[in-house]
């Protein structure tokens, strides 16, 4: 489908990539009511889904939170623990 300039004017921000930074930015923009579009060739966190089976965060869970989720929840079960790949994906999917 051919997109014209008029389609581009529908959003204030274009986010390229749906990794951790892209999803965090999208959550913040959504909270602020700023229109955005996210461009990703696959699903969000595609590289996380397809690689790094033994991945664990290298920072404690309390440091890996998003202010926009403001639920008091952290990835994983223990705020001082280190989340697995799937725990982080599940947490960011809540946004």
N, C-alpha and C. Protein backbone atom coordinates (compact mmCIF):
# COMPACT_ATOMS: atom_id res chain seq x y z
N UNK A 1 0.85 -1.18 0.00
CA UNK A 1 0.00 0.00 0.00
C UNK A 1 0.88 1.24 0.00
N UNK A 2 0.56 2.18 -0.80
CA UNK A 2 1.31 3.42 -0.90
C UNK A 2 0.76 4.41 0.12
N UNK A 3 1.66 4.92 0.96
CA UNK A 3 1.26 5.91 1.96
C UNK A 3 1.69 7.29 1.49
N UNK A 4 0.80 8.22 1.58
CA UNK A 4 1.12 9.58 1.17
C UNK A 4 1.47 10.41 2.39
N UNK A 5 1.91 11.61 2.16
CA UNK A 5 2.28 12.51 3.24
C UNK A 5 1.11 12.74 4.19
N UNK A 6 -0.11 12.72 3.70
CA UNK A 6 -1.25 12.95 4.58
C UNK A 6 -1.36 11.87 5.65
N UNK A 7 -0.94 10.63 5.35
CA UNK A 7 -0.94 9.58 6.36
C UNK A 7 0.09 9.87 7.45
N UNK A 8 1.21 10.41 7.07
CA UNK A 8 2.27 10.69 8.03
C UNK A 8 1.86 11.78 9.01
N UNK A 9 0.95 12.62 8.63
CA UNK A 9 0.54 13.73 9.49
C UNK A 9 -0.43 13.29 10.59
N UNK A 10 -0.82 12.03 10.60
CA UNK A 10 -1.77 11.56 11.60
C UNK A 10 -1.13 11.34 12.97
N UNK A 11 0.19 11.27 13.02
CA UNK A 11 0.90 10.99 14.27
C UNK A 11 1.98 12.04 14.51
N UNK A 12 2.14 12.38 15.78
CA UNK A 12 3.17 13.35 16.13
C UNK A 12 4.55 12.72 16.21
N UNK A 13 4.60 11.41 16.51
CA UNK A 13 5.88 10.73 16.72
C UNK A 13 5.87 9.41 15.96
N UNK A 14 7.00 9.08 15.36
CA UNK A 14 7.20 7.78 14.74
C UNK A 14 8.29 7.07 15.53
N UNK A 15 7.98 5.90 16.05
CA UNK A 15 8.94 5.09 16.80
C UNK A 15 9.39 3.96 15.89
N UNK A 16 10.69 3.84 15.71
CA UNK A 16 11.24 2.77 14.89
C UNK A 16 11.81 1.71 15.81
N UNK A 17 11.15 0.55 15.82
CA UNK A 17 11.60 -0.56 16.64
C UNK A 17 10.76 -0.75 17.88
N UNK A 18 10.34 -1.99 18.09
CA UNK A 18 9.50 -2.32 19.25
C UNK A 18 10.28 -3.16 20.25
N UNK A 19 11.50 -2.73 20.53
CA UNK A 19 12.28 -3.35 21.59
C UNK A 19 11.96 -2.65 22.90
N UNK A 20 12.80 -2.84 23.88
CA UNK A 20 12.54 -2.28 25.20
C UNK A 20 12.41 -0.76 25.16
N UNK A 21 13.30 -0.09 24.46
CA UNK A 21 13.24 1.37 24.41
C UNK A 21 12.01 1.85 23.65
N UNK A 22 11.69 1.22 22.53
CA UNK A 22 10.52 1.62 21.74
C UNK A 22 9.22 1.43 22.50
N UNK A 23 9.09 0.31 23.18
CA UNK A 23 7.88 0.04 23.96
C UNK A 23 7.78 0.99 25.15
N UNK A 24 8.89 1.26 25.81
CA UNK A 24 8.88 2.20 26.94
C UNK A 24 8.48 3.60 26.47
N UNK A 25 9.01 4.01 25.32
CA UNK A 25 8.64 5.31 24.77
C UNK A 25 7.16 5.35 24.41
N UNK A 26 6.66 4.29 23.79
CA UNK A 26 5.25 4.23 23.41
C UNK A 26 4.36 4.33 24.65
N UNK A 27 4.74 3.66 25.72
CA UNK A 27 3.96 3.73 26.97
C UNK A 27 3.91 5.16 27.49
N UNK A 28 5.04 5.83 27.47
CA UNK A 28 5.10 7.20 27.96
C UNK A 28 4.27 8.14 27.09
N UNK A 29 4.38 7.99 25.78
CA UNK A 29 3.61 8.84 24.87
C UNK A 29 2.11 8.61 25.04
N UNK A 30 1.74 7.34 25.20
CA UNK A 30 0.33 7.01 25.39
C UNK A 30 -0.20 7.69 26.66
N UNK A 31 0.58 7.66 27.71
CA UNK A 31 0.16 8.27 28.98
C UNK A 31 0.00 9.78 28.83
N UNK A 32 0.84 10.39 28.00
CA UNK A 32 0.78 11.84 27.79
C UNK A 32 -0.24 12.26 26.73
N UNK A 33 -0.87 11.29 26.08
CA UNK A 33 -1.86 11.60 25.06
C UNK A 33 -1.25 12.06 23.74
N UNK A 34 -0.02 11.69 23.49
CA UNK A 34 0.66 12.08 22.25
C UNK A 34 0.50 10.95 21.24
N UNK A 35 0.04 11.30 20.05
CA UNK A 35 -0.19 10.28 19.03
C UNK A 35 1.15 9.79 18.48
N UNK A 36 1.22 8.48 18.24
CA UNK A 36 2.45 7.88 17.72
C UNK A 36 2.10 6.67 16.87
N UNK A 37 3.06 6.27 16.08
CA UNK A 37 2.99 5.01 15.36
C UNK A 37 4.32 4.31 15.59
N UNK A 38 4.26 3.01 15.80
CA UNK A 38 5.48 2.23 16.03
C UNK A 38 5.69 1.33 14.82
N UNK A 39 6.88 1.38 14.27
CA UNK A 39 7.23 0.55 13.12
C UNK A 39 8.13 -0.59 13.58
N UNK A 40 7.73 -1.80 13.28
CA UNK A 40 8.49 -2.99 13.66
C UNK A 40 8.26 -4.04 12.59
N UNK A 41 9.30 -4.70 12.16
CA UNK A 41 9.14 -5.71 11.10
C UNK A 41 8.54 -7.01 11.63
N UNK A 42 8.53 -7.18 12.93
CA UNK A 42 8.00 -8.38 13.55
C UNK A 42 7.19 -7.95 14.76
N UNK A 43 6.88 -8.84 15.66
CA UNK A 43 6.15 -8.47 16.87
C UNK A 43 7.07 -7.77 17.87
N UNK A 44 6.47 -7.12 18.84
CA UNK A 44 7.26 -6.45 19.88
C UNK A 44 8.17 -7.46 20.57
N UNK A 45 9.36 -7.06 20.85
CA UNK A 45 10.37 -7.90 21.49
C UNK A 45 10.67 -9.16 20.68
N UNK A 46 10.60 -9.06 19.37
CA UNK A 46 10.83 -10.22 18.51
C UNK A 46 12.18 -10.87 18.80
N UNK A 47 13.21 -10.06 18.94
CA UNK A 47 14.53 -10.64 19.18
C UNK A 47 14.58 -11.34 20.54
N UNK A 48 13.81 -10.85 21.49
CA UNK A 48 13.78 -11.49 22.81
C UNK A 48 13.05 -12.84 22.72
N UNK A 49 12.00 -12.90 21.90
CA UNK A 49 11.25 -14.15 21.74
C UNK A 49 12.07 -15.21 21.02
N UNK A 50 12.91 -14.77 20.11
CA UNK A 50 13.62 -15.71 19.23
C UNK A 50 15.04 -16.04 19.66
N UNK A 51 15.54 -15.40 20.68
CA UNK A 51 16.93 -15.62 21.12
C UNK A 51 17.03 -15.56 22.63
N UNK A 52 18.20 -15.84 23.10
CA UNK A 52 18.59 -15.64 24.49
C UNK A 52 17.72 -16.41 25.48
N UNK A 53 17.61 -17.71 25.28
CA UNK A 53 16.79 -18.54 26.17
C UNK A 53 17.19 -18.41 27.64
N UNK A 54 18.47 -18.27 27.92
CA UNK A 54 18.93 -18.20 29.31
C UNK A 54 19.08 -16.78 29.82
N UNK A 55 18.49 -15.81 29.12
CA UNK A 55 18.65 -14.40 29.48
C UNK A 55 18.10 -14.11 30.88
N UNK A 56 18.83 -13.31 31.62
CA UNK A 56 18.37 -12.72 32.88
C UNK A 56 18.81 -11.25 32.87
N UNK A 57 17.96 -10.40 33.45
CA UNK A 57 18.31 -8.98 33.55
C UNK A 57 19.58 -8.84 34.39
N UNK A 58 20.39 -7.85 34.06
CA UNK A 58 21.61 -7.63 34.84
C UNK A 58 21.44 -6.50 35.86
N UNK A 59 20.20 -6.04 36.00
CA UNK A 59 19.87 -5.06 37.04
C UNK A 59 18.69 -5.62 37.84
N UNK A 60 18.58 -5.26 39.10
CA UNK A 60 17.47 -5.78 39.92
C UNK A 60 16.11 -5.37 39.34
N UNK A 61 15.12 -6.16 39.60
CA UNK A 61 13.79 -5.93 39.05
C UNK A 61 13.24 -4.55 39.37
N UNK A 62 13.52 -4.01 40.55
CA UNK A 62 12.99 -2.69 40.91
C UNK A 62 13.51 -1.60 39.99
N UNK A 63 14.62 -1.84 39.30
CA UNK A 63 15.18 -0.86 38.38
C UNK A 63 14.60 -0.99 36.98
N UNK A 64 13.84 -2.04 36.70
CA UNK A 64 13.34 -2.32 35.35
C UNK A 64 11.85 -2.05 35.22
N UNK A 65 11.35 -1.09 35.96
CA UNK A 65 9.93 -0.77 35.93
C UNK A 65 9.65 0.39 34.98
N UNK A 66 8.40 0.49 34.57
CA UNK A 66 7.95 1.61 33.75
C UNK A 66 7.04 2.49 34.60
N UNK A 67 7.30 3.78 34.67
CA UNK A 67 6.45 4.67 35.47
C UNK A 67 4.99 4.63 35.03
N UNK A 68 4.75 4.39 33.76
CA UNK A 68 3.38 4.42 33.25
C UNK A 68 2.55 3.24 33.75
N UNK A 69 3.20 2.18 34.20
CA UNK A 69 2.44 1.04 34.72
C UNK A 69 2.05 1.26 36.18
N UNK A 70 2.72 2.12 36.87
CA UNK A 70 2.40 2.58 38.22
C UNK A 70 1.48 1.64 39.01
N UNK A 71 1.80 0.39 39.00
CA UNK A 71 0.99 -0.59 39.72
C UNK A 71 1.73 -1.11 40.95
N UNK A 72 2.94 -0.67 41.12
CA UNK A 72 3.75 -1.18 42.21
C UNK A 72 4.35 -2.54 41.87
N UNK A 73 4.04 -3.05 40.68
CA UNK A 73 4.57 -4.34 40.26
C UNK A 73 5.94 -4.17 39.63
N UNK A 74 6.71 -5.20 39.73
CA UNK A 74 8.01 -5.26 39.08
C UNK A 74 8.05 -6.52 38.23
N UNK A 75 8.95 -6.58 37.25
CA UNK A 75 9.09 -7.84 36.53
C UNK A 75 9.52 -8.94 37.51
N UNK A 76 9.03 -10.14 37.32
CA UNK A 76 9.40 -11.22 38.22
C UNK A 76 8.67 -11.12 39.54
N UNK A 77 9.07 -11.93 40.49
CA UNK A 77 8.38 -11.99 41.77
C UNK A 77 9.07 -11.21 42.88
N UNK A 78 10.36 -11.03 42.76
CA UNK A 78 11.15 -10.42 43.84
C UNK A 78 11.74 -9.09 43.37
N UNK A 79 11.41 -7.97 44.01
CA UNK A 79 11.96 -6.68 43.60
C UNK A 79 13.49 -6.67 43.58
N UNK A 80 14.12 -7.47 44.43
CA UNK A 80 15.59 -7.50 44.47
C UNK A 80 16.17 -8.60 43.59
N UNK A 81 15.29 -9.39 42.94
CA UNK A 81 15.74 -10.47 42.07
C UNK A 81 16.08 -9.97 40.67
N UNK A 82 16.38 -10.88 39.79
CA UNK A 82 16.75 -10.57 38.41
C UNK A 82 15.84 -11.36 37.49
N UNK A 83 14.98 -10.65 36.75
CA UNK A 83 13.94 -11.27 35.94
C UNK A 83 14.51 -12.07 34.78
N UNK A 84 13.77 -13.10 34.41
CA UNK A 84 14.10 -13.88 33.21
C UNK A 84 13.58 -13.13 31.99
N UNK A 85 13.96 -13.61 30.85
CA UNK A 85 13.49 -13.02 29.59
C UNK A 85 11.96 -12.99 29.57
N UNK A 86 11.32 -14.11 29.86
CA UNK A 86 9.86 -14.18 29.78
C UNK A 86 9.18 -13.28 30.81
N UNK A 87 9.74 -13.16 31.99
CA UNK A 87 9.17 -12.26 33.00
C UNK A 87 9.22 -10.81 32.53
N UNK A 88 10.30 -10.41 31.87
CA UNK A 88 10.40 -9.05 31.35
C UNK A 88 9.41 -8.84 30.21
N UNK A 89 9.30 -9.80 29.30
CA UNK A 89 8.35 -9.69 28.19
C UNK A 89 6.94 -9.57 28.74
N UNK A 90 6.57 -10.40 29.69
CA UNK A 90 5.23 -10.37 30.28
C UNK A 90 4.96 -9.01 30.93
N UNK A 91 5.96 -8.47 31.61
CA UNK A 91 5.80 -7.17 32.27
C UNK A 91 5.57 -6.06 31.24
N UNK A 92 6.41 -6.00 30.21
CA UNK A 92 6.27 -4.94 29.22
C UNK A 92 5.02 -5.10 28.36
N UNK A 93 4.52 -6.32 28.23
CA UNK A 93 3.28 -6.54 27.47
C UNK A 93 2.08 -5.90 28.15
N UNK A 94 2.18 -5.58 29.44
CA UNK A 94 1.06 -4.97 30.16
C UNK A 94 0.82 -3.52 29.76
N UNK A 95 1.79 -2.92 29.12
CA UNK A 95 1.70 -1.51 28.76
C UNK A 95 0.64 -1.27 27.70
